[in-house]
Amino acid sequence: MSLLSTAAPIVLLLNLVAFTAFCRDKRSAERMAWRISEKTLLTLALLGPFGAMVAMRILRHKTRKAKFRLVPLFLCLHVALAAMLILM
């Protein structure tokens, strides 16, 4: 089993977790309820940037915050890492 086939389900799960966290935070914000910390959201965005970026765009959540402008950079890093794994 190659490294890529092992990593793919993990990456998919991390992106799903990031997407879900952004959705829950948006819902909590609308209800003025307990929120997920920005530190946690950024950590999840680093681990699952595609899910975080999709959630940010669909929900229009955290798009104006300066810290969250790093999410596209996180996505570029993941794409570069995936390309390295594929080319190895």
PDB file of N, CA and C in Angstrom:
ATOM      1  N   MET A   1       0.855  -1.182   0.000  1.00  0.00           N
ATOM      2  CA  MET A   1       0.000   0.000   0.000  1.00  0.00           C
ATOM      3  C   MET A   1       0.898   1.242   0.000  1.00  0.00           C
ATOM      4  N   SER A   2       0.636   2.124  -0.913  1.00  0.00           N
ATOM      5  CA  SER A   2       1.477   3.313  -1.034  1.00  0.00           C
ATOM      6  C   SER A   2       1.109   4.362   0.017  1.00  0.00           C
ATOM      7  N   LEU A   3       2.015   5.276   0.201  1.00  0.00           N
ATOM      8  CA  LEU A   3       1.793   6.366   1.152  1.00  0.00           C
ATOM      9  C   LEU A   3       0.592   7.207   0.746  1.00  0.00           C
ATOM     10  N   LEU A   4       0.442   7.426  -0.556  1.00  0.00           N
ATOM     11  CA  LEU A   4      -0.671   8.235  -1.058  1.00  0.00           C
ATOM     12  C   LEU A   4      -2.018   7.579  -0.770  1.00  0.00           C
ATOM     13  N   SER A   5      -2.114   6.263  -0.971  1.00  0.00           N
ATOM     14  CA  SER A   5      -3.387   5.587  -0.713  1.00  0.00           C
ATOM     15  C   SER A   5      -3.699   5.520   0.778  1.00  0.00           C
ATOM     16  N   THR A   6      -2.684   5.577   1.606  1.00  0.00           N
ATOM     17  CA  THR A   6      -2.888   5.614   3.054  1.00  0.00           C
ATOM     18  C   THR A   6      -3.288   7.015   3.503  1.00  0.00           C
ATOM     19  N   ALA A   7      -2.685   8.026   2.908  1.00  0.00           N
ATOM     20  CA  ALA A   7      -2.931   9.405   3.322  1.00  0.00           C
ATOM     21  C   ALA A   7      -4.269   9.946   2.829  1.00  0.00           C
ATOM     22  N   ALA A   8      -4.747   9.468   1.694  1.00  0.00           N
ATOM     23  CA  ALA A   8      -5.971  10.015   1.090  1.00  0.00           C
ATOM     24  C   ALA A   8      -7.183   9.973   2.026  1.00  0.00           C
ATOM     25  N   PRO A   9      -7.493   8.840   2.672  1.00  0.00           N
ATOM     26  CA  PRO A   9      -8.654   8.843   3.580  1.00  0.00           C
ATOM     27  C   PRO A   9      -8.470   9.767   4.785  1.00  0.00           C
ATOM     28  N   ILE A  10      -7.243   9.881   5.251  1.00  0.00           N
ATOM     29  CA  ILE A  10      -6.965  10.758   6.391  1.00  0.00           C
ATOM     30  C   ILE A  10      -7.183  12.213   5.996  1.00  0.00           C
ATOM     31  N   VAL A  11      -6.689  12.592   4.829  1.00  0.00           N
ATOM     32  CA  VAL A  11      -6.857  13.958   4.335  1.00  0.00           C
ATOM     33  C   VAL A  11      -8.336  14.259   4.124  1.00  0.00           C
ATOM     34  N   LEU A  12      -9.063  13.305   3.561  1.00  0.00           N
ATOM     35  CA  LEU A  12     -10.502  13.479   3.350  1.00  0.00           C
ATOM     36  C   LEU A  12     -11.223  13.695   4.681  1.00  0.00           C
ATOM     37  N   LEU A  13     -10.891  12.898   5.681  1.00  0.00           N
ATOM     38  CA  LEU A  13     -11.508  13.029   7.002  1.00  0.00           C
ATOM     39  C   LEU A  13     -11.180  14.381   7.637  1.00  0.00           C
ATOM     40  N   LEU A  14      -9.942  14.820   7.539  1.00  0.00           N
ATOM     41  CA  LEU A  14      -9.552  16.111   8.115  1.00  0.00           C
ATOM     42  C   LEU A  14     -10.289  17.264   7.444  1.00  0.00           C
ATOM     43  N   ASN A  15     -10.474  17.178   6.130  1.00  0.00           N
ATOM     44  CA  ASN A  15     -11.218  18.217   5.419  1.00  0.00           C
ATOM     45  C   ASN A  15     -12.686  18.214   5.821  1.00  0.00           C
ATOM     46  N   LEU A  16     -13.246  17.042   6.028  1.00  0.00           N
ATOM     47  CA  LEU A  16     -14.634  16.939   6.477  1.00  0.00           C
ATOM     48  C   LEU A  16     -14.799  17.514   7.884  1.00  0.00           C
ATOM     49  N   VAL A  17     -13.851  17.238   8.754  1.00  0.00           N
ATOM     50  CA  VAL A  17     -13.886  17.785  10.119  1.00  0.00           C
ATOM     51  C   VAL A  17     -13.783  19.310  10.078  1.00  0.00           C
ATOM     52  N   ALA A  18     -12.892  19.838   9.258  1.00  0.00           N
ATOM     53  CA  ALA A  18     -12.741  21.295   9.141  1.00  0.00           C
ATOM     54  C   ALA A  18     -14.026  21.924   8.613  1.00  0.00           C
ATOM     55  N   PHE A  19     -14.606  21.333   7.577  1.00  0.00           N
ATOM     56  CA  PHE A  19     -15.853  21.845   7.009  1.00  0.00           C
ATOM     57  C   PHE A  19     -16.957  21.863   8.067  1.00  0.00           C
ATOM     58  N   THR A  20     -17.085  20.771   8.800  1.00  0.00           N
ATOM     59  CA  THR A  20     -18.110  20.659   9.840  1.00  0.00           C
ATOM     60  C   THR A  20     -17.895  21.687  10.947  1.00  0.00           C
ATOM     61  N   ALA A  21     -16.660  21.897  11.349  1.00  0.00           N
ATOM     62  CA  ALA A  21     -16.365  22.875  12.408  1.00  0.00           C
ATOM     63  C   ALA A  21     -16.748  24.287  11.975  1.00  0.00           C
ATOM     64  N   PHE A  22     -16.434  24.659  10.739  1.00  0.00           N
ATOM     65  CA  PHE A  22     -16.806  25.982  10.245  1.00  0.00           C
ATOM     66  C   PHE A  22     -18.328  26.119  10.174  1.00  0.00           C
ATOM     67  N   CYS A  23     -19.013  25.058   9.760  1.00  0.00           N
ATOM     68  CA  CYS A  23     -20.484  25.092   9.715  1.00  0.00           C
ATOM     69  C   CYS A  23     -21.072  25.265  11.109  1.00  0.00           C
ATOM     70  N   ARG A  24     -20.544  24.521  12.066  1.00  0.00           N
ATOM     71  CA  ARG A  24     -21.047  24.639  13.442  1.00  0.00           C
ATOM     72  C   ARG A  24     -20.780  26.023  14.021  1.00  0.00           C
ATOM     73  N   ASP A  25     -19.617  26.569  13.738  1.00  0.00           N
ATOM     74  CA  ASP A  25     -19.293  27.897  14.252  1.00  0.00           C
ATOM     75  C   ASP A  25     -20.211  28.951  13.641  1.00  0.00           C
ATOM     76  N   LYS A  26     -20.492  28.836  12.366  1.00  0.00           N
ATOM     77  CA  LYS A  26     -21.406  29.781  11.708  1.00  0.00           C
ATOM     78  C   LYS A  26     -22.794  29.688  12.338  1.00  0.00           C
ATOM     79  N   ARG A  27     -23.248  28.472  12.550  1.00  0.00           N
ATOM     80  CA  ARG A  27     -24.565  28.264  13.165  1.00  0.00           C
ATOM     81  C   ARG A  27     -24.595  28.840  14.582  1.00  0.00           C
ATOM     82  N   SER A  28     -23.534  28.617  15.335  1.00  0.00           N
ATOM     83  CA  SER A  28     -23.452  29.164  16.695  1.00  0.00           C
ATOM     84  C   SER A  28     -23.434  30.685  16.678  1.00  0.00           C
ATOM     85  N   ALA A  29     -22.761  31.265  15.705  1.00  0.00           N
ATOM     86  CA  ALA A  29     -22.712  32.727  15.589  1.00  0.00           C
ATOM     87  C   ALA A  29     -24.101  33.291  15.324  1.00  0.00           C
ATOM     88  N   GLU A  30     -24.853  32.635  14.463  1.00  0.00           N
ATOM     89  CA  GLU A  30     -26.208  33.096  14.155  1.00  0.00           C
ATOM     90  C   GLU A  30     -27.127  33.006  15.364  1.00  0.00           C
ATOM     91  N   ARG A  31     -26.880  32.015  16.207  1.00  0.00           N
ATOM     92  CA  ARG A  31     -27.719  31.802  17.394  1.00  0.00           C
ATOM     93  C   ARG A  31     -27.170  32.492  18.637  1.00  0.00           C
ATOM     94  N   MET A  32     -26.055  33.201  18.462  1.00  0.00           N
ATOM     95  CA  MET A  32     -25.379  33.849  19.584  1.00  0.00           C
ATOM     96  C   MET A  32     -25.091  32.855  20.704  1.00  0.00           C
ATOM     97  N   ALA A  33     -24.606  31.701  20.315  1.00  0.00           N
ATOM     98  CA  ALA A  33     -24.290  30.624  21.249  1.00  0.00           C
ATOM     99  C   ALA A  33     -22.772  30.492  21.376  1.00  0.00           C
ATOM    100  N   TRP A  34     -22.344  29.484  22.144  1.00  0.00           N
ATOM    101  CA  TRP A  34     -20.933  29.205  22.335  1.00  0.00           C
ATOM    102  C   TRP A  34     -20.280  28.965  20.985  1.00  0.00           C
ATOM    103  N   ARG A  35     -19.094  29.546  20.784  1.00  0.00           N
ATOM    104  CA  ARG A  35     -18.392  29.481  19.496  1.00  0.00           C
ATOM    105  C   ARG A  35     -17.134  28.629  19.594  1.00  0.00           C
ATOM    106  N   ILE A  36     -16.702  28.158  18.468  1.00  0.00           N
ATOM    107  CA  ILE A  36     -15.419  27.466  18.361  1.00  0.00           C
ATOM    108  C   ILE A  36     -14.342  28.549  18.263  1.00  0.00           C
ATOM    109  N   SER A  37     -13.255  28.375  18.998  1.00  0.00           N
ATOM    110  CA  SER A  37     -12.217  29.417  19.019  1.00  0.00           C
ATOM    111  C   SER A  37     -11.555  29.559  17.647  1.00  0.00           C
ATOM    112  N   GLU A  38     -11.080  30.766  17.377  1.00  0.00           N
ATOM    113  CA  GLU A  38     -10.395  31.017  16.107  1.00  0.00           C
ATOM    114  C   GLU A  38      -9.134  30.169  15.998  1.00  0.00           C
ATOM    115  N   LYS A  39      -8.475  29.951  17.117  1.00  0.00           N
ATOM    116  CA  LYS A  39      -7.265  29.121  17.118  1.00  0.00           C
ATOM    117  C   LYS A  39      -7.590  27.703  16.652  1.00  0.00           C
ATOM    118  N   THR A  40      -8.693  27.167  17.153  1.00  0.00           N
ATOM    119  CA  THR A  40      -9.109  25.826  16.748  1.00  0.00           C
ATOM    120  C   THR A  40      -9.482  25.793  15.274  1.00  0.00           C
ATOM    121  N   LEU A  41     -10.237  26.794  14.820  1.00  0.00           N
ATOM    122  CA  LEU A  41     -10.625  26.843  13.410  1.00  0.00           C
ATOM    123  C   LEU A  41      -9.402  26.960  12.504  1.00  0.00           C
ATOM    124  N   LEU A  42      -8.431  27.766  12.897  1.00  0.00           N
ATOM    125  CA  LEU A  42      -7.213  27.903  12.089  1.00  0.00           C
ATOM    126  C   LEU A  42      -6.397  26.613  12.069  1.00  0.00           C
ATOM    127  N   THR A  43      -6.348  25.926  13.196  1.00  0.00           N
ATOM    128  CA  THR A  43      -5.645  24.646  13.244  1.00  0.00           C
ATOM    129  C   THR A  43      -6.316  23.639  12.318  1.00  0.00           C
ATOM    130  N   LEU A  44      -7.643  23.594  12.375  1.00  0.00           N
ATOM    131  CA  LEU A  44      -8.374  22.694  11.483  1.00  0.00           C
ATOM    132  C   LEU A  44      -8.203  23.101  10.024  1.00  0.00           C
ATOM    133  N   ALA A  45      -8.133  24.403   9.770  1.00  0.00           N
ATOM    134  CA  ALA A  45      -7.907  24.884   8.403  1.00  0.00           C
ATOM    135  C   ALA A  45      -6.520  24.483   7.908  1.00  0.00           C
ATOM    136  N   LEU A  46      -5.549  24.448   8.791  1.00  0.00           N
ATOM    137  CA  LEU A  46      -4.208  24.011   8.411  1.00  0.00           C
ATOM    138  C   LEU A  46      -4.205  22.521   8.072  1.00  0.00           C
ATOM    139  N   LEU A  47      -4.961  21.744   8.824  1.00  0.00           N
ATOM    140  CA  LEU A  47      -5.012  20.297   8.605  1.00  0.00           C
ATOM    141  C   LEU A  47      -5.933  19.902   7.454  1.00  0.00           C
ATOM    142  N   GLY A  48      -7.005  20.672   7.256  1.00  0.00           N
ATOM    143  CA  GLY A  48      -7.969  20.379   6.198  1.00  0.00           C
ATOM    144  C   GLY A  48      -8.372  21.634   5.456  1.00  0.00           C
ATOM    145  N   PRO A  49      -7.460  22.207   4.681  1.00  0.00           N
ATOM    146  CA  PRO A  49      -7.727  23.518   4.086  1.00  0.00           C
ATOM    147  C   PRO A  49      -8.823  23.533   3.021  1.00  0.00           C
ATOM    148  N   PHE A  50      -8.983  22.449   2.280  1.00  0.00           N
ATOM    149  CA  PHE A  50     -10.019  22.454   1.246  1.00  0.00           C
ATOM    150  C   PHE A  50     -11.400  22.538   1.888  1.00  0.00           C
ATOM    151  N   GLY A  51     -11.640  21.736   2.928  1.00  0.00           N
ATOM    152  CA  GLY A  51     -12.918  21.773   3.633  1.00  0.00           C
ATOM    153  C   GLY A  51     -13.178  23.121   4.277  1.00  0.00           C
ATOM    154  N   ALA A  52     -12.137  23.703   4.864  1.00  0.00           N
ATOM    155  CA  ALA A  52     -12.277  25.018   5.497  1.00  0.00           C
ATOM    156  C   ALA A  52     -12.587  26.092   4.467  1.00  0.00           C
ATOM    157  N   MET A  53     -11.885  26.052   3.349  1.00  0.00           N
ATOM    158  CA  MET A  53     -12.081  27.083   2.328  1.00  0.00           C
ATOM    159  C   MET A  53     -13.464  26.977   1.683  1.00  0.00           C
ATOM    160  N   VAL A  54     -13.909  25.762   1.426  1.00  0.00           N
ATOM    161  CA  VAL A  54     -15.249  25.576   0.856  1.00  0.00           C
ATOM    162  C   VAL A  54     -16.302  26.102   1.824  1.00  0.00           C
ATOM    163  N   ALA A  55     -16.167  25.768   3.104  1.00  0.00           N
ATOM    164  CA  ALA A  55     -17.125  26.248   4.107  1.00  0.00           C
ATOM    165  C   ALA A  55     -17.101  27.768   4.204  1.00  0.00           C
ATOM    166  N   MET A  56     -15.918  28.352   4.186  1.00  0.00           N
ATOM    167  CA  MET A  56     -15.810  29.810   4.270  1.00  0.00           C
ATOM    168  C   MET A  56     -16.524  30.473   3.101  1.00  0.00           C
ATOM    169  N   ARG A  57     -16.370  29.926   1.912  1.00  0.00           N
ATOM    170  CA  ARG A  57     -16.979  30.524   0.718  1.00  0.00           C
ATOM    171  C   ARG A  57     -18.486  30.296   0.680  1.00  0.00           C
ATOM    172  N   ILE A  58     -18.922  29.082   0.962  1.00  0.00           N
ATOM    173  CA  ILE A  58     -20.355  28.776   0.914  1.00  0.00           C
ATOM    174  C   ILE A  58     -21.116  29.554   1.982  1.00  0.00           C
ATOM    175  N   LEU A  59     -20.565  29.562   3.197  1.00  0.00           N
ATOM    176  CA  LEU A  59     -21.260  30.173   4.335  1.00  0.00           C
ATOM    177  C   LEU A  59     -20.954  31.655   4.503  1.00  0.00           C
ATOM    178  N   ARG A  60     -19.968  32.146   3.767  1.00  0.00           N
ATOM    179  CA  ARG A  60     -19.485  33.520   3.949  1.00  0.00           C
ATOM    180  C   ARG A  60     -19.127  33.757   5.417  1.00  0.00           C
ATOM    181  N   HIS A  61     -18.313  32.860   5.923  1.00  0.00           N
ATOM    182  CA  HIS A  61     -17.943  32.875   7.337  1.00  0.00           C
ATOM    183  C   HIS A  61     -16.435  33.045   7.475  1.00  0.00           C
ATOM    184  N   LYS A  62     -16.030  34.004   8.267  1.00  0.00           N
ATOM    185  CA  LYS A  62     -14.624  34.298   8.568  1.00  0.00           C
ATOM    186  C   LYS A  62     -13.862  34.795   7.341  1.00  0.00           C
ATOM    187  N   THR A  63     -14.546  35.282   6.342  1.00  0.00           N
ATOM    188  CA  THR A  63     -13.869  35.723   5.119  1.00  0.00           C
ATOM    189  C   THR A  63     -13.219  37.096   5.270  1.00  0.00           C
ATOM    190  N   ARG A  64     -13.661  37.882   6.222  1.00  0.00           N
ATOM    191  CA  ARG A  64     -13.091  39.223   6.414  1.00  0.00           C
ATOM    192  C   ARG A  64     -11.989  39.265   7.460  1.00  0.00           C
ATOM    193  N   LYS A  65     -11.860  38.211   8.224  1.00  0.00           N
ATOM    194  CA  LYS A  65     -10.838  38.167   9.271  1.00  0.00           C
ATOM    195  C   LYS A  65      -9.461  37.989   8.639  1.00  0.00           C
ATOM    196  N   ALA A  66      -8.529  38.833   9.048  1.00  0.00           N
ATOM    197  CA  ALA A  66      -7.184  38.813   8.459  1.00  0.00           C
ATOM    198  C   ALA A  66      -6.494  37.460   8.638  1.00  0.00           C
ATOM    199  N   LYS A  67      -6.639  36.863   9.811  1.00  0.00           N
ATOM    200  CA  LYS A  67      -5.982  35.579  10.072  1.00  0.00           C
ATOM    201  C   LYS A  67      -6.427  34.499   9.090  1.00  0.00           C
ATOM    202  N   PHE A  68      -7.676  34.554   8.709  1.00  0.00           N
ATOM    203  CA  PHE A  68      -8.239  33.497   7.871  1.00  0.00           C
ATOM    204  C   PHE A  68      -7.900  33.679   6.397  1.00  0.00           C
ATOM    205  N   ARG A  69      -7.187  34.735   6.090  1.00  0.00           N
ATOM    206  CA  ARG A  69      -6.681  34.894   4.718  1.00  0.00           C
ATOM    207  C   ARG A  69      -5.491  33.969   4.475  1.00  0.00           C
ATOM    208  N   LEU A  70      -5.069  33.262   5.517  1.00  0.00           N
ATOM    209  CA  LEU A  70      -4.015  32.259   5.383  1.00  0.00           C
ATOM    210  C   LEU A  70      -4.535  30.948   4.805  1.00  0.00           C
ATOM    211  N   VAL A  71      -5.830  30.742   4.844  1.00  0.00           N
ATOM    212  CA  VAL A  71      -6.397  29.461   4.410  1.00  0.00           C
ATOM    213  C   VAL A  71      -6.012  29.117   2.965  1.00  0.00           C
ATOM    214  N   PRO A  72      -6.068  30.049   2.004  1.00  0.00           N
ATOM    215  CA  PRO A  72      -5.606  29.691   0.649  1.00  0.00           C
ATOM    216  C   PRO A  72      -4.129  29.274   0.615  1.00  0.00           C
ATOM    217  N   LEU A  73      -3.306  29.875   1.469  1.00  0.00           N
ATOM    218  CA  LEU A  73      -1.903  29.469   1.560  1.00  0.00           C
ATOM    219  C   LEU A  73      -1.802  28.033   2.073  1.00  0.00           C
ATOM    220  N   PHE A  74      -2.607  27.710   3.085  1.00  0.00           N
ATOM    221  CA  PHE A  74      -2.633  26.338   3.595  1.00  0.00           C
ATOM    222  C   PHE A  74      -3.010  25.363   2.476  1.00  0.00           C
ATOM    223  N   LEU A  75      -3.973  25.759   1.660  1.00  0.00           N
ATOM    224  CA  LEU A  75      -4.410  24.916   0.545  1.00  0.00           C
ATOM    225  C   LEU A  75      -3.266  24.717  -0.452  1.00  0.00           C
ATOM    226  N   CYS A  76      -2.544  25.774  -0.758  1.00  0.00           N
ATOM    227  CA  CYS A  76      -1.395  25.670  -1.673  1.00  0.00           C
ATOM    228  C   CYS A  76      -0.331  24.727  -1.111  1.00  0.00           C
ATOM    229  N   LEU A  77      -0.099  24.803   0.187  1.00  0.00           N
ATOM    230  CA  LEU A  77       0.873  23.907   0.819  1.00  0.00           C
ATOM    231  C   LEU A  77       0.438  22.452   0.701  1.00  0.00           C
ATOM    232  N   HIS A  78      -0.850  22.195   0.887  1.00  0.00           N
ATOM    233  CA  HIS A  78      -1.368  20.833   0.762  1.00  0.00           C
ATOM    234  C   HIS A  78      -1.249  20.325  -0.669  1.00  0.00           C
ATOM    235  N   VAL A  79      -1.546  21.183  -1.632  1.00  0.00           N
ATOM    236  CA  VAL A  79      -1.427  20.791  -3.039  1.00  0.00           C
ATOM    237  C   VAL A  79       0.033  20.475  -3.367  1.00  0.00           C
ATOM    238  N   ALA A  80       0.950  21.297  -2.892  1.00  0.00           N
ATOM    239  CA  ALA A  80       2.378  21.055  -3.133  1.00  0.00           C
ATOM    240  C   ALA A  80       2.830  19.744  -2.491  1.00  0.00           C
ATOM    241  N   LEU A  81       2.370  19.489  -1.279  1.00  0.00           N
ATOM    242  CA  LEU A  81       2.723  18.245  -0.600  1.00  0.00           C
ATOM    243  C   LEU A  81       2.156  17.040  -1.346  1.00  0.00           C
ATOM    244  N   ALA A  82       0.910  17.147  -1.802  1.00  0.00           N
ATOM    245  CA  ALA A  82       0.297  16.053  -2.566  1.00  0.00           C
ATOM    246  C   ALA A  82       1.061  15.813  -3.865  1.00  0.00           C
ATOM    247  N   ALA A  83       1.468  16.877  -4.527  1.00  0.00           N
ATOM    248  CA  ALA A  83       2.241  16.736  -5.765  1.00  0.00           C
ATOM    249  C   ALA A  83       3.569  16.030  -5.496  1.00  0.00           C
ATOM    250  N   MET A  84       4.204  16.378  -4.391  1.00  0.00           N
ATOM    251  CA  MET A  84       5.464  15.715  -4.035  1.00  0.00           C
ATOM    252  C   MET A  84       5.246  14.229  -3.791  1.00  0.00           C
ATOM    253  N   LEU A  85       4.157  13.886  -3.094  1.00  0.00           N
ATOM    254  CA  LEU A  85       3.872  12.477  -2.818  1.00  0.00           C
ATOM    255  C   LEU A  85       3.581  11.706  -4.099  1.00  0.00           C
ATOM    256  N   ILE A  86       2.868  12.337  -5.018  1.00  0.00           N
ATOM    257  CA  ILE A  86       2.527  11.675  -6.276  1.00  0.00           C
ATOM    258  C   ILE A  86       3.779  11.457  -7.128  1.00  0.00           C
ATOM    259  N   LEU A  87       4.659  12.439  -7.144  1.00  0.00           N
ATOM    260  CA  LEU A  87       5.850  12.360  -7.992  1.00  0.00           C
ATOM    261  C   LEU A  87       6.967  11.505  -7.405  1.00  0.00           C
ATOM    262  N   MET A  88       6.847  11.109  -6.164  1.00  0.00           N
ATOM    263  CA  MET A  88       7.887  10.284  -5.532  1.00  0.00           C
ATOM    264  C   MET A  88       7.830   8.862  -6.025  1.00  0.00           C
TER     265      MET A  88
END
